[in-house]
């Protein structure tokens, strides 16, 4: 079981634009070669921040059409880190939480039942897991686009001594880079 940050990023290291939008990603033609399905088959639980969750609700209209959530994620339990009340996607296994990532990670690991835990984003949330020594792997799908500004992949320093490249491969127009992450010393 691994705790993985699997995300798409621009060449200049942004996961969302200045308006927290992922529209830039959907402009990149993946030619049906996305490895997401294979990746998600190994996921037993996942977490995201409120901004990411709200973007899915808004962009995918998941409240109005729960299949927009249930299609890709099924009944896999999700933890949403937030400090405010958020609408619920009908039929989705959602847990709204706040506070330290350690206890939530323990609950997610139990729920994952031997499968991987996926950290969707944003970068600051993932950084909290990395700071706590709870991030095992980073998988970046680098898209052939630059934004110049926006939400960074990880808005903190992770020294190269903590990252070991284990895989680099082209998938359609994307370059997929996989790094093992060691705990902080």
Protein backbone atom coordinates (compact mmCIF):
# COMPACT_ATOMS: atom_id res chain seq x y z
CA UNK A 1 0.00 0.00 0.00
CA UNK A 2 1.28 3.45 -0.97
CA UNK A 3 0.08 6.98 -0.44
CA UNK A 4 0.38 8.57 -3.87
CA UNK A 5 0.06 12.06 -5.29
CA UNK A 6 -1.08 11.47 -8.87
CA UNK A 7 -1.71 14.67 -10.78
CA UNK A 8 -1.35 16.46 -14.08
CA UNK A 9 0.95 19.44 -14.22
CA UNK A 10 2.10 21.96 -16.79
CA UNK A 11 5.70 22.12 -17.95
CA UNK A 12 6.17 25.10 -15.64
CA UNK A 13 4.83 23.22 -12.62
CA UNK A 14 1.22 24.34 -12.14
CA UNK A 15 -1.75 22.08 -11.42
CA UNK A 16 -4.38 24.80 -11.84
CA UNK A 17 -4.46 28.27 -13.32
CA UNK A 18 -4.77 31.52 -11.36
CA UNK A 19 -8.56 30.99 -11.12
CA UNK A 20 -8.08 27.44 -9.72
CA UNK A 21 -9.36 26.05 -13.01
CA UNK A 22 -8.27 22.83 -14.71
CA UNK A 23 -9.65 23.89 -18.09
CA UNK A 24 -6.08 24.01 -19.44
CA UNK A 25 -5.83 20.24 -18.90
CA UNK A 26 -8.90 19.44 -20.98
CA UNK A 27 -7.45 21.40 -23.89
CA UNK A 28 -4.63 18.84 -24.15
CA UNK A 29 -5.62 16.01 -26.44
CA UNK A 30 -4.77 12.76 -24.64
CA UNK A 31 -5.75 10.61 -27.66
CA UNK A 32 -7.36 8.06 -25.35
CA UNK A 33 -4.04 7.04 -23.83
CA UNK A 34 -4.65 8.19 -20.24
CA UNK A 35 -3.35 5.76 -17.60
CA UNK A 36 -5.89 7.02 -15.02
CA UNK A 37 -8.11 3.92 -15.18
CA UNK A 38 -5.17 1.61 -14.52
CA UNK A 39 -3.98 3.87 -11.70
CA UNK A 40 -7.40 4.20 -10.06
CA UNK A 41 -7.94 0.42 -10.10
CA UNK A 42 -5.30 0.27 -7.35
CA UNK A 43 -6.89 3.03 -5.21
CA UNK A 44 -8.88 2.14 -2.10
CA UNK A 45 -9.42 5.66 -0.69
CA UNK A 46 -8.63 9.22 -1.72
CA UNK A 47 -8.45 12.76 -0.40
CA UNK A 48 -8.75 16.25 -1.81
CA UNK A 49 -9.04 19.82 -0.64
CA UNK A 50 -12.20 21.88 -0.74
CA UNK A 51 -11.11 23.87 -3.81
CA UNK A 52 -10.60 20.71 -5.85
CA UNK A 53 -13.92 19.28 -4.66
CA UNK A 54 -15.77 22.50 -5.50
CA UNK A 55 -14.18 22.56 -8.95
CA UNK A 56 -15.47 19.03 -9.60
CA UNK A 57 -18.94 20.02 -8.39
CA UNK A 58 -18.95 23.09 -10.59
CA UNK A 59 -17.21 21.77 -13.70
CA UNK A 60 -18.59 18.23 -13.73
CA UNK A 61 -22.01 19.17 -12.27
CA UNK A 62 -21.70 16.15 -9.95
CA UNK A 63 -24.50 17.25 -7.60
CA UNK A 64 -26.99 17.50 -10.44
CA UNK A 65 -25.67 14.36 -12.13
CA UNK A 66 -24.09 12.05 -9.53
CA UNK A 67 -22.84 9.77 -12.31
CA UNK A 68 -20.22 12.46 -13.01
CA UNK A 69 -18.69 11.48 -9.63
CA UNK A 70 -19.77 7.85 -9.41
CA UNK A 71 -18.60 7.06 -12.96
CA UNK A 72 -14.90 7.68 -12.38
CA UNK A 73 -14.77 7.09 -8.59
CA UNK A 74 -17.56 4.58 -7.90
CA UNK A 75 -18.02 3.76 -4.24
CA UNK A 76 -14.38 4.47 -3.33
CA UNK A 77 -14.45 6.52 -0.11
CA UNK A 78 -13.21 10.11 -0.38
CA UNK A 79 -12.05 12.51 2.33
CA UNK A 80 -12.60 16.20 1.66
CA UNK A 81 -10.50 18.58 3.76
CA UNK A 82 -12.52 21.73 4.42
CA UNK A 83 -13.32 24.36 7.04
CA UNK A 84 -16.84 25.01 5.78
CA UNK A 85 -20.05 23.23 4.88
CA UNK A 86 -20.02 21.83 1.34
CA UNK A 87 -22.77 20.22 -0.72
CA UNK A 88 -22.83 16.44 -0.96
CA UNK A 89 -22.83 14.36 -4.14
CA UNK A 90 -25.78 11.96 -3.77
CA UNK A 91 -24.63 8.35 -3.45
CA UNK A 92 -20.94 9.21 -2.99
CA UNK A 93 -19.01 7.92 0.05
CA UNK A 94 -17.74 11.30 1.29
CA UNK A 95 -16.11 12.23 4.60
CA UNK A 96 -15.74 15.97 5.28
CA UNK A 97 -12.79 16.54 7.63
CA UNK A 98 -10.50 19.21 9.03
CA UNK A 99 -7.37 19.27 11.10
CA UNK A 100 -4.17 17.26 11.05
CA UNK A 101 -3.62 14.83 8.19
CA UNK A 102 -2.21 12.02 10.37
CA UNK A 103 -5.48 10.75 11.92
CA UNK A 104 -7.28 11.14 8.59
CA UNK A 105 -4.52 9.19 6.83
CA UNK A 106 -4.95 6.38 9.37
CA UNK A 107 -8.70 6.24 8.65
CA UNK A 108 -8.08 6.31 4.90
CA UNK A 109 -5.52 3.52 5.16
CA UNK A 110 -8.00 1.34 7.06
CA UNK A 111 -10.72 2.06 4.48
CA UNK A 112 -8.34 1.34 1.59
CA UNK A 113 -7.96 -2.24 2.89
CA UNK A 114 -4.53 -2.86 1.38
CA UNK A 115 -5.05 -0.73 -1.73
CA UNK A 116 -3.35 2.62 -2.33
CA UNK A 117 -4.38 6.00 -0.96
CA UNK A 118 -4.57 8.73 -3.61
CA UNK A 119 -3.99 12.37 -2.77
CA UNK A 120 -5.80 14.27 -5.51
CA UNK A 121 -4.73 17.76 -4.47
CA UNK A 122 -4.28 20.58 -4.09
CA UNK A 123 -0.62 20.93 -3.64
CA UNK A 124 -0.76 22.42 -0.14
CA UNK A 125 -2.80 19.49 1.14
CA UNK A 126 -0.33 17.05 -0.41
CA UNK A 127 2.48 19.08 1.14
CA UNK A 128 0.95 18.52 4.58
CA UNK A 129 1.07 14.75 3.98
CA UNK A 130 4.70 15.07 2.80
CA UNK A 131 5.61 17.15 5.86
CA UNK A 132 4.13 14.43 8.09
CA UNK A 133 6.12 11.70 6.31
CA UNK A 134 2.92 10.18 4.90
CA UNK A 135 3.62 10.57 1.16
CA UNK A 136 5.27 7.60 -0.55
CA UNK A 137 5.10 8.46 -4.25
CA UNK A 138 4.55 11.37 -6.63
CA UNK A 139 3.27 10.63 -10.14
CA UNK A 140 3.24 13.64 -12.45
CA UNK A 141 1.63 13.68 -15.87
CA UNK A 142 3.49 16.63 -17.41
CA UNK A 143 1.34 18.26 -20.10
CA UNK A 144 2.74 20.18 -23.07
CA UNK A 145 1.43 23.55 -21.89
CA UNK A 146 2.65 26.44 -19.74
CA UNK A 147 0.52 28.79 -17.64
CA UNK A 148 3.04 31.25 -16.26
CA UNK A 149 1.21 31.37 -12.91
CA UNK A 150 -1.30 29.41 -10.87
CA UNK A 151 -1.39 26.73 -8.19
CA UNK A 152 2.00 24.97 -7.93
CA UNK A 153 2.42 21.19 -7.82
CA UNK A 154 3.76 21.51 -4.26
CA UNK A 155 3.96 24.97 -2.68
CA UNK A 156 6.89 24.06 -0.45
CA UNK A 157 10.39 22.76 -0.74
CA UNK A 158 10.93 19.02 -1.04
CA UNK A 159 14.70 18.52 -1.34
CA UNK A 160 16.10 16.18 -3.97
CA UNK A 161 17.43 14.00 -1.15
CA UNK A 162 13.79 12.96 -0.50
CA UNK A 163 12.93 12.22 -4.14
CA UNK A 164 14.11 9.27 -6.23
CA UNK A 165 13.05 9.02 -9.88
CA UNK A 166 11.73 5.52 -10.51
CA UNK A 167 10.05 5.92 -13.90
CA UNK A 168 9.87 8.30 -16.86
CA UNK A 169 7.75 7.46 -19.86
CA UNK A 170 5.83 9.18 -22.64
CA UNK A 171 2.06 8.61 -22.78
CA UNK A 172 0.56 10.42 -25.75
CA UNK A 173 1.53 14.08 -25.39
CA UNK A 174 2.29 13.68 -21.65
CA UNK A 175 5.54 12.77 -19.91
CA UNK A 176 4.81 10.64 -16.84
CA UNK A 177 7.39 10.98 -14.07
CA UNK A 178 7.24 8.83 -10.95
CA UNK A 179 9.23 9.60 -7.82
CA UNK A 180 9.53 7.67 -4.57
CA UNK A 181 9.36 10.04 -1.60
CA UNK A 182 11.33 9.36 1.56
CA UNK A 183 10.22 10.72 4.94
CA UNK A 184 11.67 13.98 6.25
CA UNK A 185 14.84 13.55 8.28
